[in-house]
Protein backbone atom coordinates (compact mmCIF):
# COMPACT_ATOMS: atom_id res chain seq x y z
CA MET A 1 26.45 -7.77 17.86
CA VAL A 2 29.76 -9.23 16.75
CA GLU A 3 32.12 -7.60 14.32
CA PHE A 4 34.62 -9.65 12.36
CA VAL A 5 38.19 -8.45 12.04
CA PHE A 6 40.26 -10.23 9.41
CA VAL A 7 44.04 -10.03 9.50
CA PHE A 8 45.69 -10.55 6.13
CA GLY A 9 49.27 -10.13 4.99
CA ALA A 10 51.96 -11.41 2.71
CA HIS A 11 52.07 -14.83 4.39
CA SER A 12 52.55 -17.82 2.17
CA TRP A 13 50.65 -21.06 2.48
CA LEU A 14 53.85 -22.91 3.45
CA LYS A 15 54.60 -20.55 6.33
CA ASN A 16 51.08 -20.96 7.69
CA ILE A 17 51.40 -24.75 7.58
CA MET A 18 54.81 -24.65 9.28
CA GLY A 19 53.55 -22.33 11.98
CA GLY A 20 50.53 -24.55 12.57
CA LEU A 21 52.64 -27.69 12.88
CA MET A 22 55.04 -25.99 15.30
CA SER A 23 52.20 -24.72 17.47
CA LEU A 24 50.57 -28.14 17.57
CA GLN A 25 53.85 -29.90 18.38
CA ASP A 26 55.22 -27.47 20.95
CA GLU A 27 51.77 -26.44 22.25
CA GLN A 28 52.75 -22.77 22.16
CA ILE A 29 49.13 -21.67 22.14
CA LYS A 30 46.02 -23.51 23.25
CA SER A 31 42.33 -22.87 23.15
CA GLY A 32 41.33 -20.61 26.03
CA LEU A 33 44.66 -18.79 26.45
CA HIS A 34 44.76 -15.01 26.78
CA VAL A 35 47.26 -13.70 24.25
CA SER A 36 48.33 -10.31 22.87
CA PHE A 37 50.43 -9.35 19.83
CA GLN A 38 50.57 -6.57 17.21
CA GLY A 39 47.78 -4.61 18.87
CA HIS A 40 45.44 -7.62 19.04
CA GLU A 41 44.40 -8.97 22.43
CA GLY A 42 41.89 -11.63 23.37
CA VAL A 43 41.21 -15.32 23.97
CA VAL A 44 42.15 -18.09 21.54
CA GLU A 45 38.95 -19.85 20.47
CA ARG A 46 39.85 -22.44 17.84
CA LEU A 47 43.07 -23.72 16.27
CA PHE A 48 43.42 -24.59 12.60
CA LEU A 49 46.30 -25.88 10.51
CA GLN A 50 46.80 -22.54 8.76
CA GLY A 51 45.57 -20.17 11.45
CA PHE A 52 43.52 -19.66 14.60
CA SER A 53 40.57 -17.56 15.67
CA LEU A 54 40.97 -14.92 18.37
CA ARG A 55 37.98 -13.58 20.31
CA GLN A 56 38.92 -10.01 21.16
CA TYR A 57 37.82 -8.19 24.29
CA ASP A 58 35.74 -5.76 22.21
CA LYS A 59 33.61 -8.71 20.98
CA GLY A 60 35.38 -8.77 17.61
CA LEU A 61 36.62 -11.98 16.01
CA ALA A 62 40.03 -12.03 14.33
CA TYR A 63 41.40 -14.81 12.14
CA ILE A 64 45.19 -14.91 12.54
CA PRO A 65 47.50 -16.82 10.14
CA ASN A 66 49.97 -19.12 11.90
CA SER A 67 52.91 -17.57 10.04
CA ILE A 68 52.65 -14.55 12.36
CA MET A 69 54.09 -16.69 15.16
CA LEU A 70 57.20 -17.30 13.03
CA GLU A 71 57.84 -13.61 12.41
CA ASN A 72 56.51 -11.84 15.52
CA SER A 73 56.54 -12.34 19.26
CA MET A 74 53.34 -13.31 21.05
CA THR A 75 52.66 -12.67 24.72
CA VAL A 76 50.67 -15.28 26.65
CA GLN A 77 49.08 -13.63 29.67
CA SER A 78 48.86 -15.39 32.99
CA LYS A 79 45.45 -16.06 34.48
CA SER A 80 46.53 -14.34 37.71
CA LEU A 81 47.09 -11.00 35.95
CA ASP A 82 44.40 -8.35 35.69
CA ARG A 83 43.18 -7.35 32.25
CA ARG A 84 43.53 -3.68 31.36
CA ARG A 85 40.39 -2.23 29.78
CA VAL A 86 39.81 1.25 28.36
CA VAL A 87 36.48 3.02 27.77
CA PRO A 88 36.90 6.31 25.83
CA VAL A 89 34.29 9.04 26.28
CA HIS A 90 34.41 11.96 23.83
CA LEU A 91 32.36 14.90 25.11
CA SER A 92 31.23 17.91 23.16
CA HIS A 93 33.83 20.65 22.79
CA SER A 94 31.32 23.18 24.11
CA THR A 95 31.14 21.46 27.51
CA PRO A 96 32.02 23.88 30.36
CA THR A 97 35.07 23.01 32.42
CA THR A 98 33.02 22.94 35.62
CA ILE A 99 30.69 20.32 34.14
CA LEU A 100 33.68 18.33 32.87
CA ARG A 101 35.20 18.37 36.36
CA LEU A 102 31.89 17.21 37.83
CA PHE A 103 31.68 14.42 35.25
CA ILE A 104 35.16 13.15 36.19
CA GLN A 105 34.24 13.18 39.88
CA GLU A 106 31.10 11.17 39.16
CA LEU A 107 33.17 8.70 37.14
CA ASP A 108 35.54 8.29 40.06
CA ASN A 109 32.65 7.59 42.42
CA LEU A 110 31.12 5.13 39.93
CA LEU A 111 34.31 3.10 39.50
CA THR A 112 35.03 3.15 43.23
CA GLN A 113 31.60 1.70 43.94
CA HIS A 114 32.02 -0.81 41.11
CA MET A 115 35.29 -2.10 42.56
CA ILE A 116 33.73 -2.38 46.02
CA ASP A 117 30.77 -4.32 44.65
CA ARG A 118 33.06 -6.65 42.70
CA GLN A 119 35.19 -7.35 45.74
CA THR A 120 32.10 -7.94 47.89
CA ASN A 121 30.60 -10.38 45.39
CA THR A 122 33.79 -12.46 45.25
CA LYS A 123 33.72 -12.92 49.03
CA GLY A 124 30.56 -15.01 48.95
CA ASP A 125 30.42 -18.59 50.10
CA VAL A 126 32.17 -21.02 47.79
CA LEU A 127 29.59 -23.73 48.38
CA GLY A 128 26.03 -23.01 49.49
CA LEU A 129 25.54 -26.42 51.13
CA GLU A 130 23.27 -26.97 54.05
CA LYS A 131 24.62 -29.15 56.80
CA PRO A 132 22.92 -32.57 56.60
CA LYS A 133 22.57 -35.08 59.39
CA GLY A 134 25.88 -36.75 58.59
CA GLY A 135 27.73 -33.44 58.91
CA TRP A 136 30.02 -31.51 56.59
CA ASP A 137 32.52 -30.30 59.18
CA VAL A 138 35.65 -31.31 57.30
CA MET A 139 34.33 -29.99 54.00
CA ASN A 140 33.26 -26.69 55.56
CA VAL A 141 36.70 -26.19 57.13
CA TYR A 142 38.37 -26.89 53.76
CA GLU A 143 36.11 -24.54 51.83
CA HIS A 144 36.50 -21.81 54.45
CA SER A 145 40.30 -21.99 54.27
CA LYS A 146 40.11 -22.08 50.47
CA LYS A 147 37.96 -18.96 50.45
CA LEU A 148 40.40 -17.14 52.75
CA SER A 149 43.35 -18.05 50.53
CA ILE A 150 41.52 -16.74 47.47
CA GLU A 151 40.74 -13.44 49.21
CA GLU A 152 44.35 -13.02 50.33
CA THR A 153 45.83 -13.63 46.86
CA GLN A 154 43.27 -11.48 45.06
CA SER A 155 44.61 -8.03 44.21
CA PRO A 156 42.42 -4.98 44.86
CA GLY A 157 40.73 -3.30 41.93
CA ARG A 158 42.71 -0.62 40.10
CA PHE A 159 41.44 2.17 37.89
CA TRP A 160 42.16 5.72 36.84
CA ILE A 161 40.63 8.47 34.72
CA SER A 162 42.77 10.43 32.28
CA ILE A 163 42.21 13.23 29.76
CA GLU A 164 43.98 12.09 26.60
CA ALA A 165 42.91 15.06 24.45
CA PRO A 166 40.62 18.09 24.86
CA TYR A 167 37.25 16.73 26.01
CA LEU A 168 38.38 13.12 25.42
CA VAL A 169 38.22 11.20 28.70
CA HIS A 170 39.64 7.69 29.05
CA VAL A 171 38.26 5.44 31.77
CA VAL A 172 40.95 2.82 32.47
CA TYR A 173 40.31 -0.10 34.81
CA TYR A 174 41.73 -3.56 35.44
CA SER A 175 39.28 -6.41 35.26
CA GLN A 176 39.69 -9.34 37.64
CA GLU A 177 37.47 -11.58 35.55
CA ARG A 178 39.17 -14.73 34.29
CA HIS A 179 36.78 -15.65 31.45
CA ILE A 180 35.98 -13.79 28.26
CA LYS A 181 32.23 -13.75 28.99
CA GLY A 182 32.83 -12.12 32.37
CA ILE A 183 35.19 -9.54 30.85
CA LEU A 184 32.68 -8.58 28.15
CA ALA A 185 29.78 -8.48 30.63
CA GLU A 186 31.72 -6.25 33.03
CA LYS A 187 32.72 -3.82 30.28
CA THR A 188 29.16 -3.66 28.96
CA GLU A 189 27.91 -2.91 32.46
CA ILE A 190 30.41 -0.08 32.92
CA VAL A 191 29.63 1.38 29.48
CA LEU A 192 25.90 1.40 30.26
CA GLN A 193 26.47 3.08 33.62
CA ILE A 194 28.65 5.76 32.02
CA THR A 195 26.04 6.35 29.32
CA GLU A 196 23.34 6.71 31.99
CA MET A 197 25.53 9.27 33.75
CA VAL A 198 25.96 11.23 30.51
CA ALA A 199 22.18 11.31 30.07
CA LYS A 200 21.61 12.22 33.73
CA LEU A 201 24.03 15.16 33.59
CA LYS A 202 22.53 16.20 30.23
CA LEU A 203 25.91 16.22 28.54
CA ASN A 204 26.36 16.43 24.79
CA LEU A 205 28.71 14.04 23.08
CA HIS A 206 31.09 14.96 20.31
CA GLY A 207 29.31 15.10 16.96
CA GLU A 208 25.82 15.47 18.41
CA GLU A 209 25.65 19.26 18.72
CA GLY A 210 22.43 20.42 17.06
CA GLU A 211 21.76 17.02 15.58
CA ILE A 212 18.18 16.28 14.60
CA SER A 213 17.18 12.69 15.16
CA PRO A 214 15.51 11.03 12.15
CA PRO A 215 11.92 9.75 12.40
CA LEU A 216 11.58 6.19 13.64
CA VAL A 217 8.86 5.23 11.15
CA GLY A 218 10.61 6.32 7.98
CA ASN A 219 14.04 4.88 8.78
CA ARG A 220 14.04 1.10 8.71
CA ARG A 221 17.59 0.50 7.53
CA ARG A 222 19.83 -1.64 9.67
CA GLY A 223 22.89 0.19 10.99
CA ARG A 224 26.29 -1.36 11.36
CA ALA A 225 27.36 -2.88 14.66
CA THR A 226 29.67 -0.78 16.79
CA GLN A 227 32.64 -2.13 18.68
CA ALA A 228 32.77 -1.89 22.45
CA SER A 229 36.08 -0.01 22.09
CA GLU A 230 34.45 2.76 20.03
CA PRO A 231 34.17 6.07 21.90
CA ILE A 232 30.87 6.66 23.61
CA GLY A 233 30.77 9.98 21.80
CA ARG A 234 29.55 8.04 18.76
CA ARG A 235 26.77 6.27 20.63
CA VAL A 236 23.61 7.45 22.39
CA PHE A 237 21.42 6.17 25.18
CA ASN A 238 17.75 5.75 24.25
CA GLU A 239 14.68 5.05 26.30
CA ARG A 240 15.26 1.28 26.28
CA ASN A 241 18.71 1.55 27.85
CA MET A 242 20.39 0.18 24.73
CA LEU A 243 23.37 1.52 22.83
CA ARG A 244 22.85 2.25 19.14
CA HIS A 245 25.00 3.94 16.55
CA ARG A 246 24.05 7.36 15.27
CA ARG A 247 25.58 8.66 12.05
CA PRO A 248 27.01 12.19 12.25
CA HIS A 249 24.81 14.89 10.81
CA ALA A 250 27.54 15.92 8.38
CA ASP A 251 27.44 12.51 6.66
CA LEU A 252 23.75 12.88 5.89
CA VAL A 253 24.22 16.02 3.83
């Protein structure tokens, strides 16, 4: 699901037009660039005369007026830099400290294995060509040297696990993906693995203590889509390995 985030402000029509003309003339931003400003971060999708659309890393879509570029600084990220991603996990406040310590150790093992798998997958052959009768010796030598240069310049995966508040664990990692689809797919994979771990260790998430799940037949209303940046403490893992939003029990009273 995609959530839409609209950014409005006291920006006049003239400022938006001026900002759009300056961006088109100087080519300050282009479609496909990774940018960050005022807490927003993502990939520029489309440019308009009065604004542009920004696909955020949490699958949200923000429409930004061009006048922001006249009044605020915008950072254009290089493709060679790793993208910092954060997955918050809010556990129940009744979780024992020993179980919390075990959960952090399992998270460390999970991310370590994830980084190893990512690095192993990137070391595959660049071209899977079979050698024909004419021979591909020169091409094979070129692709082999190209693959070695890519492996040398590629930085190792980085991650850490921090406790930001009581029972609030932040999983921070740096993605080496260069495209928005790869970034979103990697984060979804990590979120699903963490949710599986929560279910395997039989941990309770914040807001789910003593919650009674509603019947599936009587409840047919469509719930709102949750952002990927929303804490996992507000989501549950069901039998179909999908994430869905569960309203707190206090809101139903």
